[in-house]
């Protein structure tokens, strides 16, 4: 009986910690729409983590440059990241994506937002060059507002926790 109880407790502990440590990745790229020339990425926020916390990296294009970025990074506590991850999962699952992928910036922000977990993937895009075509799907004003709120929250997290690296 004692041995069985220990095995059950070990299994429950293992299962809890396995699911609790599910990893995720969030990225935001501003500057996704190109024309004759490809797009110029103006800023990037990337968040990688699990239930124990996350690391955020924030890069912004230096003024007058097309390729040189100010870079910053920092740690985010589990408490700070938990609500955002939950909201990203629940709200992005309700938002449309452009069809075909990369055909049009249906949210009109020149921003790509991606969220990836072990069991969920979502990423919008936009035309990166001359090949532009209208998307079969469109975002409503309400969907655009939800997308905009999520974008602002990810940007805010990047600005709050990323510490500027010395040049």
N, C-alpha and C. Protein backbone atom coordinates (compact mmCIF):
# COMPACT_ATOMS: atom_id res chain seq x y z
N UNK A 1 0.82 -1.20 0.00
CA UNK A 1 0.00 0.00 0.00
C UNK A 1 0.86 1.26 0.00
N UNK A 2 1.88 1.29 0.85
CA UNK A 2 2.78 2.43 0.95
C UNK A 2 3.49 2.66 -0.39
N UNK A 3 3.95 1.58 -1.00
CA UNK A 3 4.66 1.67 -2.28
C UNK A 3 3.73 2.20 -3.37
N UNK A 4 2.50 1.73 -3.40
CA UNK A 4 1.52 2.19 -4.39
C UNK A 4 1.23 3.68 -4.21
N UNK A 5 1.10 4.11 -2.98
CA UNK A 5 0.85 5.53 -2.69
C UNK A 5 2.01 6.39 -3.17
N UNK A 6 3.23 5.94 -2.95
CA UNK A 6 4.41 6.68 -3.42
C UNK A 6 4.44 6.77 -4.93
N UNK A 7 4.13 5.67 -5.60
CA UNK A 7 4.11 5.67 -7.06
C UNK A 7 3.06 6.65 -7.58
N UNK A 8 1.89 6.62 -6.99
CA UNK A 8 0.81 7.54 -7.41
C UNK A 8 1.22 8.99 -7.17
N UNK A 9 1.79 9.28 -6.01
CA UNK A 9 2.24 10.65 -5.72
C UNK A 9 3.32 11.09 -6.70
N UNK A 10 4.26 10.20 -7.00
CA UNK A 10 5.31 10.54 -7.96
C UNK A 10 4.71 10.84 -9.32
N UNK A 11 3.77 10.00 -9.77
CA UNK A 11 3.14 10.22 -11.07
C UNK A 11 2.39 11.55 -11.11
N UNK A 12 1.65 11.84 -10.05
CA UNK A 12 0.93 13.12 -10.00
C UNK A 12 1.90 14.30 -10.02
N UNK A 13 2.98 14.21 -9.27
CA UNK A 13 4.00 15.26 -9.26
C UNK A 13 4.61 15.43 -10.65
N UNK A 14 4.94 14.32 -11.31
CA UNK A 14 5.54 14.36 -12.64
C UNK A 14 4.59 14.99 -13.64
N UNK A 15 3.32 14.55 -13.63
CA UNK A 15 2.34 15.09 -14.57
C UNK A 15 2.13 16.58 -14.32
N UNK A 16 1.99 16.98 -13.07
CA UNK A 16 1.79 18.40 -12.74
C UNK A 16 2.96 19.24 -13.24
N UNK A 17 4.17 18.81 -12.97
CA UNK A 17 5.34 19.59 -13.38
C UNK A 17 5.56 19.56 -14.88
N UNK A 18 5.19 18.48 -15.53
CA UNK A 18 5.32 18.41 -16.98
C UNK A 18 4.41 19.43 -17.65
N UNK A 19 3.15 19.48 -17.22
CA UNK A 19 2.23 20.42 -17.84
C UNK A 19 2.47 21.84 -17.36
N UNK A 20 2.92 22.00 -16.13
CA UNK A 20 3.15 23.34 -15.59
C UNK A 20 4.31 24.02 -16.29
N UNK A 21 5.23 23.25 -16.84
CA UNK A 21 6.41 23.82 -17.47
C UNK A 21 6.26 23.94 -18.99
N UNK A 22 5.02 23.98 -19.49
CA UNK A 22 4.80 24.09 -20.92
C UNK A 22 5.49 25.36 -21.43
N UNK A 23 6.25 25.22 -22.48
CA UNK A 23 6.99 26.37 -22.99
C UNK A 23 6.13 27.18 -23.97
N UNK A 24 6.53 28.44 -24.16
CA UNK A 24 5.83 29.30 -25.10
C UNK A 24 6.83 30.27 -25.72
N UNK A 25 6.40 30.83 -26.84
CA UNK A 25 7.18 31.87 -27.51
C UNK A 25 6.18 32.89 -28.06
N UNK A 26 6.48 34.14 -27.83
CA UNK A 26 5.70 35.25 -28.38
C UNK A 26 6.67 36.13 -29.14
N UNK A 27 6.29 36.56 -30.32
CA UNK A 27 7.11 37.57 -30.98
C UNK A 27 6.21 38.57 -31.67
N UNK A 28 6.73 39.77 -31.74
CA UNK A 28 6.05 40.87 -32.40
C UNK A 28 7.08 41.54 -33.30
N UNK A 29 6.73 41.71 -34.56
CA UNK A 29 7.60 42.43 -35.51
C UNK A 29 6.80 43.59 -36.08
N UNK A 30 7.35 44.79 -35.96
CA UNK A 30 6.73 45.96 -36.58
C UNK A 30 7.53 46.30 -37.83
N UNK A 31 6.82 46.43 -38.95
CA UNK A 31 7.47 46.72 -40.22
C UNK A 31 7.44 45.49 -41.12
N UNK A 32 6.26 44.93 -41.34
CA UNK A 32 6.15 43.67 -42.09
C UNK A 32 5.71 43.87 -43.53
N UNK A 33 5.19 45.05 -43.85
CA UNK A 33 4.65 45.27 -45.19
C UNK A 33 5.72 45.89 -46.07
N UNK A 34 5.99 45.23 -47.17
CA UNK A 34 6.96 45.74 -48.13
C UNK A 34 6.26 46.24 -49.38
N UNK A 35 7.02 46.72 -50.28
CA UNK A 35 6.52 47.17 -51.57
C UNK A 35 7.49 46.69 -52.62
N UNK A 36 8.01 47.62 -53.42
CA UNK A 36 9.02 47.26 -54.42
C UNK A 36 10.24 46.67 -53.72
N UNK A 37 10.62 47.29 -52.62
CA UNK A 37 11.69 46.74 -51.77
C UNK A 37 11.03 45.98 -50.61
N UNK A 38 11.79 45.13 -49.99
CA UNK A 38 11.26 44.37 -48.86
C UNK A 38 10.96 45.28 -47.68
N UNK A 39 10.27 44.76 -46.68
CA UNK A 39 9.92 45.57 -45.51
C UNK A 39 11.14 45.92 -44.67
N UNK A 40 11.04 47.00 -43.91
CA UNK A 40 12.07 47.38 -42.95
C UNK A 40 11.51 47.13 -41.56
N UNK A 41 12.10 46.19 -40.86
CA UNK A 41 11.66 45.87 -39.51
C UNK A 41 12.07 47.01 -38.58
N UNK A 42 11.08 47.65 -37.94
CA UNK A 42 11.34 48.79 -37.07
C UNK A 42 11.61 48.38 -35.63
N UNK A 43 10.91 47.34 -35.17
CA UNK A 43 11.17 46.83 -33.82
C UNK A 43 10.70 45.39 -33.72
N UNK A 44 11.32 44.68 -32.78
CA UNK A 44 10.99 43.28 -32.52
C UNK A 44 10.93 43.09 -31.01
N UNK A 45 9.89 42.41 -30.55
CA UNK A 45 9.81 41.96 -29.16
C UNK A 45 9.69 40.45 -29.22
N UNK A 46 10.54 39.77 -28.47
CA UNK A 46 10.50 38.31 -28.43
C UNK A 46 10.49 37.87 -26.97
N UNK A 47 9.54 37.01 -26.63
CA UNK A 47 9.40 36.51 -25.26
C UNK A 47 9.43 34.99 -25.32
N UNK A 48 10.36 34.39 -24.60
CA UNK A 48 10.49 32.94 -24.53
C UNK A 48 10.42 32.52 -23.07
N UNK A 49 9.60 31.51 -22.78
CA UNK A 49 9.54 31.09 -21.39
C UNK A 49 8.66 29.90 -21.15
N UNK A 50 8.36 29.70 -19.87
CA UNK A 50 7.45 28.66 -19.41
C UNK A 50 6.80 29.15 -18.12
N UNK A 51 6.18 28.26 -17.38
CA UNK A 51 5.45 28.69 -16.19
C UNK A 51 6.36 29.22 -15.09
N UNK A 52 7.68 29.03 -15.24
CA UNK A 52 8.64 29.52 -14.25
C UNK A 52 9.09 30.95 -14.53
N UNK A 53 8.65 31.53 -15.63
CA UNK A 53 9.05 32.88 -16.00
C UNK A 53 9.46 32.93 -17.46
N UNK A 54 9.99 34.06 -17.86
CA UNK A 54 10.33 34.25 -19.27
C UNK A 54 11.49 35.23 -19.41
N UNK A 55 12.07 35.21 -20.59
CA UNK A 55 13.09 36.17 -20.98
C UNK A 55 12.52 36.98 -22.13
N UNK A 56 12.64 38.30 -22.05
CA UNK A 56 12.14 39.17 -23.10
C UNK A 56 13.32 39.88 -23.74
N UNK A 57 13.29 39.96 -25.07
CA UNK A 57 14.28 40.72 -25.84
C UNK A 57 13.52 41.75 -26.66
N UNK A 58 14.02 42.98 -26.67
CA UNK A 58 13.37 44.07 -27.39
C UNK A 58 14.43 44.78 -28.22
N UNK A 59 14.22 44.82 -29.52
CA UNK A 59 15.15 45.49 -30.44
C UNK A 59 14.41 46.58 -31.18
N UNK A 60 15.02 47.76 -31.27
CA UNK A 60 14.43 48.87 -32.00
C UNK A 60 15.44 49.41 -33.00
N UNK A 61 14.96 49.74 -34.18
CA UNK A 61 15.82 50.26 -35.23
C UNK A 61 16.37 51.62 -34.82
N UNK A 62 17.69 51.76 -34.94
CA UNK A 62 18.31 53.05 -34.62
C UNK A 62 17.91 54.09 -35.66
N UNK A 63 17.69 55.34 -35.24
CA UNK A 63 17.30 56.39 -36.19
C UNK A 63 18.32 56.51 -37.33
N UNK A 64 17.80 56.65 -38.54
CA UNK A 64 18.66 56.82 -39.71
C UNK A 64 19.29 55.53 -40.20
N UNK A 65 18.94 54.41 -39.63
CA UNK A 65 19.54 53.13 -40.02
C UNK A 65 18.47 52.20 -40.59
N UNK A 66 18.91 51.27 -41.40
CA UNK A 66 18.01 50.23 -41.90
C UNK A 66 18.36 48.87 -41.33
N UNK A 67 19.53 48.76 -40.68
CA UNK A 67 19.99 47.45 -40.23
C UNK A 67 20.58 47.44 -38.82
N UNK A 68 20.72 48.59 -38.18
CA UNK A 68 21.37 48.66 -36.87
C UNK A 68 20.31 48.88 -35.79
N UNK A 69 20.34 48.03 -34.77
CA UNK A 69 19.28 48.02 -33.76
C UNK A 69 19.83 48.26 -32.36
N UNK A 70 19.05 48.99 -31.54
CA UNK A 70 19.29 49.04 -30.10
C UNK A 70 18.68 47.76 -29.54
N UNK A 71 19.42 47.08 -28.67
CA UNK A 71 18.93 45.82 -28.13
C UNK A 71 18.87 45.87 -26.62
N UNK A 72 17.85 45.23 -26.08
CA UNK A 72 17.67 45.14 -24.63
C UNK A 72 17.04 43.80 -24.31
N UNK A 73 17.31 43.30 -23.10
CA UNK A 73 16.68 42.05 -22.68
C UNK A 73 16.53 42.04 -21.17
N UNK A 74 15.70 41.15 -20.68
CA UNK A 74 15.48 41.04 -19.25
C UNK A 74 14.58 39.86 -18.92
N UNK A 75 14.41 39.63 -17.64
CA UNK A 75 13.59 38.52 -17.15
C UNK A 75 12.21 39.02 -16.76
N UNK A 76 11.23 38.14 -16.93
CA UNK A 76 9.85 38.44 -16.55
C UNK A 76 9.40 37.36 -15.57
N UNK A 77 8.80 37.77 -14.48
CA UNK A 77 8.36 36.81 -13.46
C UNK A 77 7.13 36.03 -13.94
N UNK A 78 6.90 34.85 -13.34
CA UNK A 78 5.71 34.07 -13.71
C UNK A 78 4.41 34.86 -13.50
N UNK A 79 4.36 35.65 -12.44
CA UNK A 79 3.14 36.42 -12.16
C UNK A 79 2.86 37.44 -13.26
N UNK A 80 3.90 38.07 -13.76
CA UNK A 80 3.74 39.09 -14.80
C UNK A 80 3.33 38.48 -16.14
N UNK A 81 3.77 37.27 -16.41
CA UNK A 81 3.58 36.69 -17.73
C UNK A 81 2.31 35.84 -17.82
N UNK A 82 1.85 35.29 -16.70
CA UNK A 82 0.75 34.33 -16.72
C UNK A 82 -0.52 34.89 -17.36
N UNK A 83 -0.96 36.06 -16.94
CA UNK A 83 -2.20 36.63 -17.47
C UNK A 83 -2.09 36.93 -18.95
N UNK A 84 -0.96 37.48 -19.37
CA UNK A 84 -0.78 37.78 -20.79
C UNK A 84 -0.84 36.51 -21.62
N UNK A 85 -0.16 35.44 -21.19
CA UNK A 85 -0.16 34.19 -21.95
C UNK A 85 -1.58 33.62 -22.05
N UNK A 86 -2.30 33.67 -20.96
CA UNK A 86 -3.68 33.17 -20.96
C UNK A 86 -4.55 33.99 -21.91
N UNK A 87 -4.40 35.31 -21.87
CA UNK A 87 -5.18 36.19 -22.75
C UNK A 87 -4.80 36.00 -24.21
N UNK A 88 -3.51 35.87 -24.49
CA UNK A 88 -3.08 35.63 -25.87
C UNK A 88 -3.73 34.36 -26.41
N UNK A 89 -3.68 33.30 -25.64
CA UNK A 89 -4.25 32.03 -26.09
C UNK A 89 -5.75 32.15 -26.35
N UNK A 90 -6.48 32.69 -25.39
CA UNK A 90 -7.94 32.75 -25.54
C UNK A 90 -8.38 33.74 -26.60
N UNK A 91 -7.72 34.89 -26.70
CA UNK A 91 -8.18 35.91 -27.64
C UNK A 91 -7.67 35.67 -29.07
N UNK A 92 -6.42 35.23 -29.22
CA UNK A 92 -5.93 34.98 -30.57
C UNK A 92 -6.67 33.82 -31.23
N UNK A 93 -7.10 32.85 -30.44
CA UNK A 93 -7.82 31.72 -31.02
C UNK A 93 -9.15 32.16 -31.65
N UNK A 94 -9.62 33.35 -31.29
CA UNK A 94 -10.87 33.88 -31.84
C UNK A 94 -10.65 34.84 -33.02
N UNK A 95 -9.39 35.17 -33.31
CA UNK A 95 -9.11 36.14 -34.36
C UNK A 95 -8.77 35.45 -35.68
N UNK A 96 -9.20 36.06 -36.80
CA UNK A 96 -8.89 35.46 -38.10
C UNK A 96 -7.45 35.73 -38.52
N UNK A 97 -6.98 34.90 -39.43
CA UNK A 97 -5.69 35.08 -40.08
C UNK A 97 -5.94 35.36 -41.56
N UNK A 98 -5.01 36.04 -42.19
CA UNK A 98 -5.16 36.32 -43.61
C UNK A 98 -5.07 35.00 -44.39
N UNK A 99 -5.83 34.94 -45.49
CA UNK A 99 -5.79 33.77 -46.38
C UNK A 99 -5.64 34.27 -47.80
N UNK A 100 -4.66 33.83 -48.52
CA UNK A 100 -3.58 32.95 -48.09
C UNK A 100 -2.60 33.68 -47.17
N UNK A 101 -1.81 32.90 -46.45
CA UNK A 101 -0.84 33.45 -45.49
C UNK A 101 0.06 34.47 -46.19
N UNK A 102 0.23 35.63 -45.57
CA UNK A 102 1.11 36.66 -46.11
C UNK A 102 0.50 37.49 -47.22
N UNK A 103 -0.79 37.30 -47.50
CA UNK A 103 -1.40 38.02 -48.63
C UNK A 103 -1.71 39.47 -48.32
N UNK A 104 -2.09 39.77 -47.08
CA UNK A 104 -2.56 41.11 -46.75
C UNK A 104 -2.41 41.35 -45.25
N UNK A 105 -2.20 42.58 -44.86
CA UNK A 105 -2.13 42.97 -43.45
C UNK A 105 -3.56 43.28 -43.01
N UNK A 106 -4.32 42.25 -42.61
CA UNK A 106 -5.75 42.44 -42.34
C UNK A 106 -6.04 43.26 -41.09
N UNK A 107 -5.03 43.48 -40.25
CA UNK A 107 -5.23 44.29 -39.05
C UNK A 107 -4.76 45.73 -39.26
N UNK A 108 -4.09 46.02 -40.37
CA UNK A 108 -3.71 47.38 -40.73
C UNK A 108 -2.70 48.04 -39.83
N UNK A 109 -1.89 47.27 -39.11
CA UNK A 109 -0.92 47.84 -38.16
C UNK A 109 0.52 47.72 -38.63
N UNK A 110 0.77 47.03 -39.74
CA UNK A 110 2.15 46.78 -40.19
C UNK A 110 2.91 46.00 -39.11
N UNK A 111 2.17 45.11 -38.42
CA UNK A 111 2.73 44.34 -37.31
C UNK A 111 2.33 42.88 -37.45
N UNK A 112 3.30 42.01 -37.24
CA UNK A 112 3.04 40.58 -37.15
C UNK A 112 3.17 40.17 -35.68
N UNK A 113 2.18 39.45 -35.19
CA UNK A 113 2.19 38.94 -33.82
C UNK A 113 2.12 37.42 -33.90
N UNK A 114 3.01 36.76 -33.21
CA UNK A 114 3.01 35.30 -33.19
C UNK A 114 2.99 34.79 -31.77
N UNK A 115 2.25 33.71 -31.55
CA UNK A 115 2.18 33.07 -30.23
C UNK A 115 2.20 31.57 -30.45
N UNK A 116 3.17 30.91 -29.82
CA UNK A 116 3.36 29.48 -30.02
C UNK A 116 3.53 28.78 -28.68
N UNK A 117 2.75 27.72 -28.45
CA UNK A 117 2.92 26.86 -27.28
C UNK A 117 3.01 25.43 -27.80
N UNK A 118 3.09 24.50 -26.87
CA UNK A 118 3.15 23.10 -27.27
C UNK A 118 1.88 22.66 -28.00
N UNK A 119 0.76 23.32 -27.72
CA UNK A 119 -0.50 22.88 -28.32
C UNK A 119 -1.27 23.99 -29.07
N UNK A 120 -0.63 25.13 -29.33
CA UNK A 120 -1.32 26.23 -30.00
C UNK A 120 -0.32 27.05 -30.80
N UNK A 121 -0.70 27.40 -32.03
CA UNK A 121 0.13 28.26 -32.87
C UNK A 121 -0.77 29.29 -33.55
N UNK A 122 -0.33 30.55 -33.54
CA UNK A 122 -1.07 31.61 -34.21
C UNK A 122 -0.06 32.66 -34.66
N UNK A 123 -0.13 33.08 -35.92
CA UNK A 123 0.75 34.14 -36.42
C UNK A 123 0.10 34.80 -37.62
N UNK A 124 -0.05 36.11 -37.55
CA UNK A 124 -0.52 36.85 -38.71
C UNK A 124 0.68 37.36 -39.49
N UNK A 125 0.44 37.82 -40.68
CA UNK A 125 1.52 38.34 -41.51
C UNK A 125 1.02 39.44 -42.41
N UNK A 126 1.78 39.68 -43.44
CA UNK A 126 1.42 40.70 -44.41
C UNK A 126 2.29 40.53 -45.63
N UNK A 127 2.00 41.26 -46.69
CA UNK A 127 2.80 41.14 -47.91
C UNK A 127 4.20 41.68 -47.70
N UNK A 128 5.19 40.91 -48.09
CA UNK A 128 6.57 41.31 -47.85
C UNK A 128 7.25 41.86 -49.10
N UNK A 129 6.59 41.90 -50.20
CA UNK A 129 7.21 42.40 -51.41
C UNK A 129 6.16 42.85 -52.41
N UNK A 130 6.47 42.67 -53.67
CA UNK A 130 5.59 43.14 -54.74
C UNK A 130 4.32 42.31 -54.89
N UNK A 131 4.37 41.06 -54.50
CA UNK A 131 3.22 40.17 -54.68
C UNK A 131 2.17 40.42 -53.62
N UNK A 132 1.29 41.34 -53.91
CA UNK A 132 0.21 41.69 -52.99
C UNK A 132 -1.09 41.16 -53.53
N UNK A 133 -1.88 40.57 -52.66
CA UNK A 133 -3.20 40.13 -53.08
C UNK A 133 -4.15 40.31 -51.90
N UNK A 134 -5.42 40.56 -52.20
CA UNK A 134 -6.36 40.72 -51.10
C UNK A 134 -6.58 39.40 -50.37
N UNK A 135 -6.77 39.49 -49.08
CA UNK A 135 -7.04 38.30 -48.27
C UNK A 135 -8.49 37.87 -48.44
N UNK A 136 -8.71 36.57 -48.40
CA UNK A 136 -10.08 36.05 -48.44
C UNK A 136 -10.80 36.37 -47.14
N UNK A 137 -10.05 36.54 -46.04
CA UNK A 137 -10.66 36.87 -44.75
C UNK A 137 -10.33 38.31 -44.40
N UNK A 138 -11.22 38.94 -43.70
CA UNK A 138 -11.04 40.32 -43.23
C UNK A 138 -11.27 40.36 -41.73
N UNK A 139 -10.63 41.28 -41.07
CA UNK A 139 -10.86 41.49 -39.64
C UNK A 139 -11.90 42.58 -39.46
N UNK A 140 -12.83 42.36 -38.54
CA UNK A 140 -13.83 43.38 -38.21
C UNK A 140 -13.17 44.45 -37.34
N UNK A 141 -13.86 45.56 -37.15
CA UNK A 141 -13.33 46.61 -36.28
C UNK A 141 -13.12 46.09 -34.86
N UNK A 142 -14.03 45.26 -34.38
CA UNK A 142 -13.90 44.69 -33.04
C UNK A 142 -12.68 43.77 -32.96
N UNK A 143 -12.46 42.95 -33.98
CA UNK A 143 -11.28 42.07 -34.00
C UNK A 143 -10.00 42.88 -34.08
N UNK A 144 -10.02 43.96 -34.84
CA UNK A 144 -8.84 44.84 -34.91
C UNK A 144 -8.55 45.45 -33.54
N UNK A 145 -9.60 45.82 -32.81
CA UNK A 145 -9.41 46.40 -31.47
C UNK A 145 -8.78 45.38 -30.52
N UNK A 146 -9.21 44.13 -30.58
CA UNK A 146 -8.63 43.08 -29.74
C UNK A 146 -7.17 42.88 -30.11
N UNK A 147 -6.88 42.81 -31.41
CA UNK A 147 -5.50 42.66 -31.88
C UNK A 147 -4.65 43.83 -31.39
N UNK A 148 -5.15 45.04 -31.54
CA UNK A 148 -4.41 46.23 -31.12
C UNK A 148 -4.11 46.22 -29.62
N UNK A 149 -5.07 45.78 -28.82
CA UNK A 149 -4.85 45.70 -27.37
C UNK A 149 -3.74 44.69 -27.05
N UNK A 150 -3.77 43.54 -27.70
CA UNK A 150 -2.73 42.53 -27.47
C UNK A 150 -1.36 43.04 -27.90
N UNK A 151 -1.31 43.73 -29.04
CA UNK A 151 -0.05 44.32 -29.51
C UNK A 151 0.50 45.29 -28.47
N UNK A 152 -0.35 46.16 -27.95
CA UNK A 152 0.10 47.15 -26.96
C UNK A 152 0.60 46.47 -25.69
N UNK A 153 -0.04 45.39 -25.29
CA UNK A 153 0.39 44.68 -24.08
C UNK A 153 1.76 44.02 -24.28
N UNK A 154 1.98 43.43 -25.45
CA UNK A 154 3.29 42.81 -25.73
C UNK A 154 4.37 43.88 -25.81
N UNK A 155 4.09 44.99 -26.50
CA UNK A 155 5.05 46.09 -26.58
C UNK A 155 5.37 46.64 -25.19
N UNK A 156 4.35 46.81 -24.37
CA UNK A 156 4.54 47.33 -23.02
C UNK A 156 5.41 46.39 -22.19
N UNK A 157 5.20 45.10 -22.31
CA UNK A 157 6.02 44.13 -21.58
C UNK A 157 7.47 44.23 -22.03
N UNK A 158 7.69 44.36 -23.34
CA UNK A 158 9.05 44.50 -23.86
C UNK A 158 9.73 45.75 -23.33
N UNK A 159 9.00 46.85 -23.30
CA UNK A 159 9.57 48.11 -22.82
C UNK A 159 9.80 48.10 -21.32
N UNK A 160 8.95 47.41 -20.58
CA UNK A 160 9.04 47.40 -19.12
C UNK A 160 10.19 46.53 -18.62
N UNK A 161 10.40 45.37 -19.22
CA UNK A 161 11.34 44.41 -18.65
C UNK A 161 12.68 44.31 -19.38
N UNK A 162 12.76 44.82 -20.59
CA UNK A 162 14.03 44.73 -21.31
C UNK A 162 14.95 45.87 -20.86
N UNK A 163 16.13 45.51 -20.42
CA UNK A 163 17.13 46.46 -19.95
C UNK A 163 18.11 46.71 -21.09
N UNK A 164 18.37 47.98 -21.40
CA UNK A 164 19.26 48.31 -22.52
C UNK A 164 20.66 47.77 -22.28
N UNK A 165 21.17 47.08 -23.30
CA UNK A 165 22.56 46.61 -23.25
C UNK A 165 23.49 47.75 -23.60
N UNK A 166 24.65 47.76 -23.01
CA UNK A 166 25.64 48.79 -23.31
C UNK A 166 26.23 48.54 -24.69
N UNK A 167 26.41 49.61 -25.47
CA UNK A 167 27.00 49.48 -26.81
C UNK A 167 28.49 49.21 -26.73
